[in-house]
Protein backbone atom coordinates (compact mmCIF):
# COMPACT_ATOMS: atom_id res chain seq x y z
CA MET A 1 80.09 -17.90 -261.54
CA SER A 2 81.33 -14.88 -263.27
CA GLU A 3 83.85 -15.47 -266.17
CA ASP A 4 85.31 -11.78 -265.90
CA PHE A 5 88.63 -12.58 -264.34
CA GLU A 6 91.24 -15.19 -265.37
CA LEU A 7 93.84 -16.89 -263.45
CA ASN A 8 96.90 -17.61 -264.75
CA ASP A 9 99.51 -20.46 -263.77
CA ILE A 10 102.63 -19.20 -261.89
CA GLU A 11 105.86 -20.51 -261.24
CA PRO A 12 108.90 -19.45 -258.56
CA GLN A 13 111.47 -17.44 -260.50
CA GLN A 14 114.71 -19.14 -260.20
CA SER A 15 118.16 -17.02 -259.99
CA SER A 16 120.33 -17.17 -263.08
CA ASN A 17 123.22 -17.93 -261.09
CA VAL A 18 123.89 -21.45 -259.59
CA PRO A 19 123.63 -21.61 -255.57
CA THR A 20 126.62 -21.97 -253.70
CA ALA A 21 127.09 -24.40 -251.11
CA ALA A 22 126.51 -21.81 -248.54
CA GLN A 23 123.39 -21.02 -250.08
CA VAL A 24 122.23 -24.74 -250.11
CA SER A 25 123.36 -25.16 -246.58
CA SER A 26 122.08 -21.89 -244.87
CA GLY A 27 119.59 -20.13 -247.07
CA ILE A 28 119.34 -16.45 -248.28
CA PRO A 29 121.55 -14.67 -245.93
CA VAL A 30 119.15 -12.14 -244.22
CA PRO A 31 120.93 -8.94 -242.45
CA PRO A 32 121.79 -8.20 -239.12
CA VAL A 33 119.41 -5.32 -238.99
CA ARG A 34 116.76 -7.44 -239.99
CA LEU A 35 117.53 -10.13 -237.68
CA ILE A 36 117.69 -7.58 -234.68
CA GLU A 37 113.81 -7.15 -235.50
CA VAL A 38 112.94 -10.66 -234.24
CA LEU A 39 115.34 -11.01 -231.13
CA SER A 40 113.33 -11.62 -228.00
CA PRO A 41 113.25 -8.53 -225.55
CA ASP A 42 115.47 -10.43 -223.06
CA ASP A 43 118.13 -10.99 -226.04
CA TRP A 44 117.77 -7.36 -227.39
CA GLU A 45 119.09 -6.28 -224.03
CA ALA A 46 121.78 -8.88 -224.26
CA PHE A 47 122.54 -7.11 -227.77
CA THR A 48 122.37 -3.58 -226.31
CA VAL A 49 125.17 -4.87 -223.55
CA GLU A 50 127.25 -6.64 -226.49
CA TRP A 51 127.08 -3.46 -228.56
CA LEU A 52 128.10 -1.36 -225.51
CA THR A 53 131.52 -3.36 -225.39
CA HIS A 54 132.44 -1.70 -228.53
CA HIS A 55 132.16 1.71 -226.57
CA LYS A 56 133.66 0.08 -223.28
CA SER A 57 136.54 -1.12 -225.59
CA ARG A 58 137.51 2.28 -226.94
CA GLY A 59 137.49 3.62 -223.24
CA LEU A 60 134.49 5.54 -223.12
CA TYR A 61 133.14 3.45 -220.64
CA LYS A 62 134.68 1.81 -217.25
CA ALA A 63 131.51 -0.49 -216.36
CA ILE A 64 128.11 -1.78 -217.99
CA ARG A 65 125.69 -2.63 -215.72
CA ARG A 66 121.92 -4.11 -215.94
CA TYR A 67 120.27 -2.11 -213.86
CA SER A 68 118.04 -4.86 -211.14
CA GLY A 69 116.63 -2.36 -208.52
CA PRO A 70 113.27 -2.65 -207.35
CA GLY A 71 110.52 -1.30 -209.22
CA ASP A 72 110.98 0.14 -213.48
CA ARG A 73 112.73 3.68 -212.87
CA GLY A 74 112.97 3.88 -216.62
CA LEU A 75 116.45 2.22 -216.45
CA ASP A 76 117.40 -0.94 -218.32
CA VAL A 77 121.18 -0.72 -218.88
CA VAL A 78 123.46 1.86 -217.24
CA ALA A 79 126.91 2.62 -218.26
CA PHE A 80 129.65 4.16 -216.13
CA THR A 81 132.42 6.49 -217.40
CA SER A 82 134.32 5.99 -214.27
CA ALA A 83 134.95 3.55 -211.08
CA ASP A 84 133.11 5.85 -209.05
CA GLY A 85 129.64 5.21 -210.70
CA PHE A 86 126.86 7.44 -210.63
CA ALA A 87 129.36 9.88 -208.58
CA GLU A 88 130.77 10.43 -211.95
CA PRO A 89 129.11 11.02 -215.53
CA TRP A 90 126.76 8.24 -216.33
CA ASP A 91 124.87 7.41 -219.24
CA SER A 92 121.19 5.11 -219.62
CA TYR A 93 120.03 3.34 -222.75
CA GLN A 94 116.55 1.96 -222.72
CA CYS A 95 116.44 -1.28 -224.36
CA LYS A 96 112.60 -1.04 -226.26
CA HIS A 97 111.97 -4.16 -228.59
CA TYR A 98 108.64 -3.41 -230.40
CA ASN A 99 107.47 -4.48 -233.96
CA HIS A 100 107.05 -0.56 -234.97
CA ALA A 101 109.40 2.47 -234.77
CA LEU A 102 108.59 4.09 -231.49
CA THR A 103 105.81 6.64 -231.03
CA PRO A 104 105.19 9.23 -228.45
CA GLU A 105 103.35 6.93 -226.47
CA ASP A 106 106.45 4.67 -226.24
CA VAL A 107 108.70 7.43 -224.84
CA CYS A 108 106.58 10.00 -223.05
CA ALA A 109 106.39 6.87 -220.08
CA GLU A 110 110.08 6.32 -220.16
CA VAL A 111 110.92 9.87 -220.19
CA ALA A 112 108.62 11.08 -217.06
CA LYS A 113 110.17 8.16 -215.11
CA VAL A 114 113.43 9.36 -215.39
CA ILE A 115 112.26 12.82 -214.66
CA TYR A 116 110.00 11.95 -211.90
CA HIS A 117 112.54 9.56 -209.80
CA SER A 118 115.34 12.34 -210.29
CA PHE A 119 113.10 14.72 -208.68
CA ASN A 120 112.45 12.90 -206.12
CA ARG A 121 116.24 11.71 -206.06
CA THR A 122 114.78 7.94 -205.79
CA PRO A 123 117.48 5.52 -205.93
CA PRO A 124 119.76 5.50 -207.62
CA PHE A 125 119.02 8.95 -208.85
CA ASN A 126 119.83 10.36 -205.09
CA GLN A 127 123.71 9.91 -205.99
CA ALA A 128 126.10 12.75 -206.96
CA CYS A 129 125.15 12.61 -210.48
CA ARG A 130 121.63 12.59 -210.28
CA VAL A 131 120.82 12.61 -213.92
CA PRO A 132 122.22 10.65 -216.43
CA HIS A 133 124.20 12.41 -218.98
CA ARG A 134 122.94 10.68 -222.07
CA HIS A 135 119.28 8.59 -222.03
CA VAL A 136 119.57 6.48 -225.20
CA PHE A 137 116.57 4.94 -226.76
CA VAL A 138 117.76 1.92 -228.40
CA SER A 139 115.18 0.11 -230.61
CA PRO A 140 115.82 -2.10 -233.67
CA ARG A 141 113.38 -0.33 -235.85
CA GLY A 142 114.49 3.35 -234.45
CA VAL A 143 112.15 6.06 -233.96
CA GLY A 144 109.26 7.09 -235.54
CA ILE A 145 109.36 10.70 -237.57
CA THR A 146 107.75 12.95 -234.74
CA VAL A 147 109.88 11.46 -231.56
CA GLY A 148 112.76 11.62 -234.43
CA ARG A 149 111.89 15.70 -234.41
CA TRP A 150 111.69 15.97 -230.66
CA LEU A 151 115.36 14.55 -229.88
CA THR A 152 116.74 17.30 -232.29
CA ASP A 153 114.68 19.96 -230.73
CA SER A 154 115.03 20.07 -226.67
CA GLU A 155 112.25 22.80 -226.37
CA THR A 156 109.81 20.71 -228.79
CA PHE A 157 110.31 17.61 -226.44
CA LYS A 158 109.75 19.85 -223.30
CA THR A 159 106.89 21.29 -224.33
CA GLU A 160 105.24 17.91 -225.95
CA ILE A 161 106.21 16.12 -222.46
CA LYS A 162 104.35 19.00 -220.63
CA SER A 163 101.26 19.03 -222.86
CA ARG A 164 100.87 15.10 -222.55
CA TRP A 165 101.66 14.67 -218.64
CA ASP A 166 98.32 14.18 -217.61
CA THR A 167 97.31 11.36 -220.16
CA GLN A 168 100.82 9.64 -221.20
CA CYS A 169 103.25 10.50 -218.56
CA ALA A 170 102.22 10.31 -215.14
CA PRO A 171 99.68 7.46 -215.09
CA LYS A 172 102.41 5.51 -216.40
CA ILE A 173 105.23 6.28 -213.97
CA GLY A 174 104.21 3.46 -211.60
CA ALA A 175 101.30 1.82 -209.58
CA GLY A 176 100.02 4.48 -206.89
CA ILE A 177 102.05 7.33 -207.88
CA SER A 178 100.20 10.89 -208.35
CA ALA A 179 102.57 13.11 -210.09
CA PRO A 180 100.64 16.44 -210.88
CA LEU A 181 102.61 18.88 -213.05
CA THR A 182 102.54 21.54 -210.55
CA GLY A 183 104.91 23.51 -208.02
CA ASP A 184 108.39 22.29 -207.76
CA LEU A 185 107.92 19.36 -210.58
CA LEU A 186 106.60 21.97 -212.71
CA SER A 187 109.70 23.91 -212.06
CA TYR A 188 111.81 20.93 -212.32
CA VAL A 189 110.77 20.11 -215.67
CA ASP A 190 111.02 23.52 -217.14
CA SER A 191 114.49 23.58 -215.89
CA PHE A 192 115.15 19.99 -217.26
CA ASP A 193 117.86 19.32 -219.93
CA PHE A 194 115.89 17.40 -222.78
CA SER A 195 119.03 17.33 -224.60
CA ILE A 196 120.01 14.14 -223.11
CA PHE A 197 117.75 12.00 -224.74
CA GLU A 198 118.99 10.39 -227.84
CA ASP A 199 118.01 7.41 -230.18
CA ARG A 200 120.18 5.18 -232.22
CA THR A 201 119.25 3.36 -235.48
CA GLY A 202 119.48 -0.45 -236.28
CA ALA A 203 121.98 0.25 -238.83
CA GLU A 204 124.11 2.33 -236.33
CA LEU A 205 124.13 -0.48 -234.10
CA ILE A 206 125.30 -3.38 -236.46
CA GLU A 207 128.02 -0.98 -237.58
CA GLU A 208 129.42 -0.73 -234.00
CA HIS A 209 128.48 -4.23 -233.27
CA PHE A 210 130.58 -5.42 -235.73
CA GLN A 211 133.63 -4.36 -234.00
CA THR A 212 132.85 -6.69 -231.29
CA VAL A 213 133.84 -10.09 -230.30
CA PHE A 214 129.90 -11.12 -230.30
CA TYR A 215 129.07 -10.28 -233.92
CA ALA A 216 130.41 -13.00 -235.92
CA PRO A 217 128.97 -15.76 -233.20
CA ARG A 218 125.49 -13.82 -233.11
CA PHE A 219 125.05 -13.12 -237.28
CA GLY A 220 127.68 -15.28 -238.98
CA GLY A 221 129.09 -14.40 -241.95
CA GLY A 222 132.66 -15.28 -240.76
CA LEU A 223 135.57 -13.29 -239.26
CA PRO A 224 137.10 -10.20 -241.21
CA PRO A 225 140.35 -10.92 -242.79
CA ARG A 226 143.47 -11.13 -240.89
CA GLY A 227 146.62 -8.80 -241.46
CA THR A 228 150.44 -9.67 -241.64
CA ALA A 229 151.49 -10.81 -238.73
CA PRO A 230 154.39 -8.70 -237.28
CA PRO A 231 158.00 -9.65 -237.83
CA PRO A 232 160.31 -10.66 -234.23
CA PRO A 233 161.88 -7.89 -232.64
CA PRO A 234 165.80 -8.12 -233.11
CA THR A 235 166.17 -8.63 -229.45
CA PRO A 236 163.92 -11.59 -227.80
CA ALA A 237 161.26 -10.39 -225.36
CA SER A 238 161.09 -11.49 -221.89
CA GLU A 239 157.84 -13.65 -222.56
CA GLU A 240 159.60 -15.96 -225.22
CA SER A 241 162.59 -16.91 -222.70
CA VAL A 242 161.19 -20.41 -222.01
CA TYR A 243 160.48 -21.71 -225.08
CA LEU A 244 163.71 -19.84 -226.58
CA ARG A 245 165.46 -21.93 -223.91
CA LYS A 246 164.05 -25.11 -224.79
CA LEU A 247 164.88 -24.62 -228.38
CA LEU A 248 168.58 -24.13 -227.62
CA ASP A 249 168.22 -27.20 -225.61
CA ALA A 250 167.11 -29.09 -228.39
CA TYR A 251 169.98 -27.79 -230.46
CA GLY A 252 172.83 -28.42 -227.77
CA ASP A 253 171.22 -32.12 -227.36
CA HIS A 254 171.49 -32.47 -230.97
CA LEU A 255 175.05 -31.19 -231.34
CA GLY A 256 176.18 -32.77 -227.98
CA THR A 257 177.22 -30.14 -226.61
CA ALA A 258 175.80 -27.29 -224.17
CA ILE A 259 174.37 -24.19 -226.03
CA THR A 260 173.37 -21.25 -224.09
CA ALA A 261 172.90 -18.23 -226.30
CA THR A 262 172.50 -17.88 -230.12
CA ALA A 263 176.04 -16.60 -230.41
CA ASP A 264 177.02 -20.32 -229.76
CA LEU A 265 175.30 -21.48 -233.20
CA ASP A 266 177.38 -21.76 -236.48
CA PRO A 267 176.08 -19.28 -238.55
CA ASP A 268 176.60 -21.93 -241.72
CA GLY A 269 175.25 -24.85 -240.13
CA GLY A 270 171.33 -24.21 -240.93
CA LEU A 271 170.54 -23.84 -236.99
CA ARG A 272 170.81 -20.08 -237.00
CA GLU A 273 168.20 -20.13 -239.73
CA HIS A 274 166.04 -22.65 -237.93
CA TYR A 275 166.23 -20.48 -234.72
CA ASN A 276 164.79 -17.26 -236.66
CA ARG A 277 162.27 -19.46 -238.17
CA GLN A 278 160.66 -20.38 -235.05
CA ARG A 279 160.73 -17.05 -233.80
CA VAL A 280 158.31 -16.03 -237.09
CA LEU A 281 156.35 -18.67 -235.91
CA PHE A 282 155.93 -17.90 -232.30
CA TYR A 283 154.81 -14.54 -233.67
CA SER A 284 152.57 -16.07 -235.81
CA ALA A 285 150.62 -17.43 -233.22
CA GLU A 286 150.94 -14.31 -231.08
CA ALA A 287 149.25 -11.97 -233.55
CA LEU A 288 146.14 -14.77 -233.82
CA ARG A 289 145.85 -14.77 -230.24
CA ASN A 290 145.68 -11.01 -230.55
CA PHE A 291 142.85 -11.08 -233.32
CA ALA A 292 141.03 -13.72 -231.56
CA ARG A 293 140.74 -11.74 -228.57
CA ASP A 294 139.39 -8.76 -230.42
CA ARG A 295 137.02 -10.74 -232.65
CA THR A 296 135.82 -14.00 -231.20
CA PRO A 297 134.56 -14.41 -227.37
CA ARG A 298 136.59 -15.54 -224.50
CA ASP A 299 138.32 -19.09 -224.84
CA THR A 300 138.18 -19.34 -228.38
CA PHE A 301 142.30 -19.28 -228.91
CA ASP A 302 142.34 -21.40 -225.57
CA SER A 303 140.18 -23.89 -227.53
CA LEU A 304 142.23 -23.71 -230.65
CA GLN A 305 145.33 -24.47 -228.41
CA GLU A 306 143.72 -27.43 -226.78
CA ASP A 307 143.29 -28.74 -230.19
CA ILE A 308 146.73 -28.59 -231.26
CA PHE A 309 147.96 -29.83 -227.63
CA ASN A 310 145.80 -33.08 -228.13
CA GLY A 311 146.99 -33.45 -231.80
CA VAL A 312 150.50 -33.34 -230.83
CA ILE A 313 151.15 -34.28 -227.45
CA ASP A 314 151.91 -38.08 -228.19
CA VAL A 315 154.29 -37.27 -230.93
CA CYS A 316 155.90 -35.20 -228.69
CA GLU A 317 156.34 -37.96 -225.96
CA ALA A 318 157.81 -40.21 -228.53
CA SER A 319 161.19 -41.41 -228.54
CA TYR A 320 163.63 -39.76 -230.90
CA ALA A 321 167.52 -39.68 -231.37
CA SER A 322 167.66 -35.65 -230.11
CA GLY A 323 165.40 -33.09 -228.88
CA LEU A 324 165.46 -31.15 -232.15
CA GLU A 325 164.29 -34.03 -233.87
CA CYS A 326 161.10 -34.42 -231.23
CA LEU A 327 161.09 -30.49 -231.90
CA ARG A 328 160.65 -31.34 -235.98
CA ALA A 329 158.37 -34.32 -235.65
CA THR A 330 155.78 -32.34 -233.28
CA ILE A 331 155.63 -29.22 -235.08
CA SER A 332 155.29 -30.94 -238.41
CA THR A 333 152.59 -32.60 -237.15
CA ALA A 334 150.92 -29.82 -235.43
CA ALA A 335 150.84 -28.48 -238.96
CA THR A 336 147.97 -31.04 -240.10
CA VAL A 337 145.78 -30.67 -236.85
CA ASP A 338 142.34 -30.03 -237.90
CA VAL A 339 140.86 -27.38 -235.80
CA GLY A 340 137.57 -27.30 -238.28
CA GLY A 341 135.46 -27.20 -235.04
CA ASN A 342 137.10 -23.68 -234.07
CA ALA A 343 135.63 -20.27 -234.75
CA LEU A 344 139.04 -19.57 -236.08
CA VAL A 345 139.43 -21.98 -238.90
CA GLY A 346 139.05 -19.63 -241.69
CA VAL A 347 141.81 -17.44 -240.41
CA THR A 348 144.39 -19.86 -239.38
CA ARG A 349 147.66 -20.54 -240.92
CA VAL A 350 149.90 -23.13 -240.59
CA ALA A 351 152.48 -21.12 -239.11
CA ASP A 352 150.17 -20.45 -236.61
CA LYS A 353 149.27 -23.80 -235.79
CA GLN A 354 153.07 -24.48 -235.75
CA GLY A 355 153.66 -21.14 -233.67
CA VAL A 356 151.38 -22.78 -231.15
CA CYS A 357 153.75 -25.46 -230.20
CA HIS A 358 156.07 -22.72 -228.96
CA GLN A 359 153.58 -21.22 -226.92
CA LEU A 360 152.37 -24.31 -225.27
CA ALA A 361 156.47 -24.92 -224.47
CA ASN A 362 156.17 -21.69 -223.30
CA ASP A 363 153.70 -22.57 -220.73
CA ASP A 364 155.84 -25.99 -219.91
CA ARG A 365 153.03 -27.97 -221.54
CA LEU A 366 155.68 -29.05 -224.02
CA THR A 367 159.33 -29.74 -223.96
CA TRP A 368 161.69 -31.34 -226.77
CA VAL A 369 164.50 -32.44 -224.11
CA ASP A 370 163.64 -34.64 -220.97
CA ALA A 371 165.38 -33.07 -218.13
CA ASP A 372 165.41 -36.69 -216.38
CA ALA A 373 167.03 -38.33 -219.39
């Protein structure tokens, strides 16, 4: 046995920093741009649809559809700019989840399908807008150098497709399809606008996906910070009418006299300030509702409301000397309700939980004065 080499003992190098609880619980964070590389093809298509909701929310698209027609015609996800569908400009997104950046062989077949089927007006390429306004390759590793160069030079791209048509394009269009590049088809390719083909990098996808409600549930990392809740407008809005009516009823029950407007409240008695505070609480909860709508999946805020309702309903239904005492006991309890199981826990403030009580009153799920008493 040769002795001209040596093996040295090694030990894993430990960080000089004390690990945090999050590290011990979840391990070293993996950047989302790397996580998308290990998604399944189905999850990749779902991710693409999630990403496109960012553009839909900005008004670029009216609808996003997965193509489910017979056969593979180069369409995966279609985004419509109008409710009229293919009658107005539309975009196509080709979902490609490979373990490498897209090569000429990867894109040639897809380009050929778009060209061939639009030339033959194969449905859905037979409608008013026959060719997509943009056909975008969406891949976690992006495109390789060669394809990247093609996408910035449409004439070179066209020349390359024509030169590869017989070997890498036509044979991949579909079983039993013969598509020699001659005659009218050749003329169609020569006139085809290759600038419609684009790509998106993984970094671009993650940057825009971050703006959607799907980002945190898919990649973690928590929700972004909330801004300050806006103050209530000087004049109550129409959507405040129910909970404010119940609030005045609670004051009337406490004072033993009907209160029909805030003007009936003694400005020195403390109830005017209490009234103003309740409106602040309501608008704080409304701000959280709007934040949840923009940053979390549907029903997340509704689930938070349900947790708070379940936490306060027994307190609300107990017996009190007045409706005001019922209100005070209920919102005090709301402040202590544990909402740790909800995705909004990290951005939910005490005022939000108390304001939810007024939202629930607005929905006639809570009331402070029993109408039958």
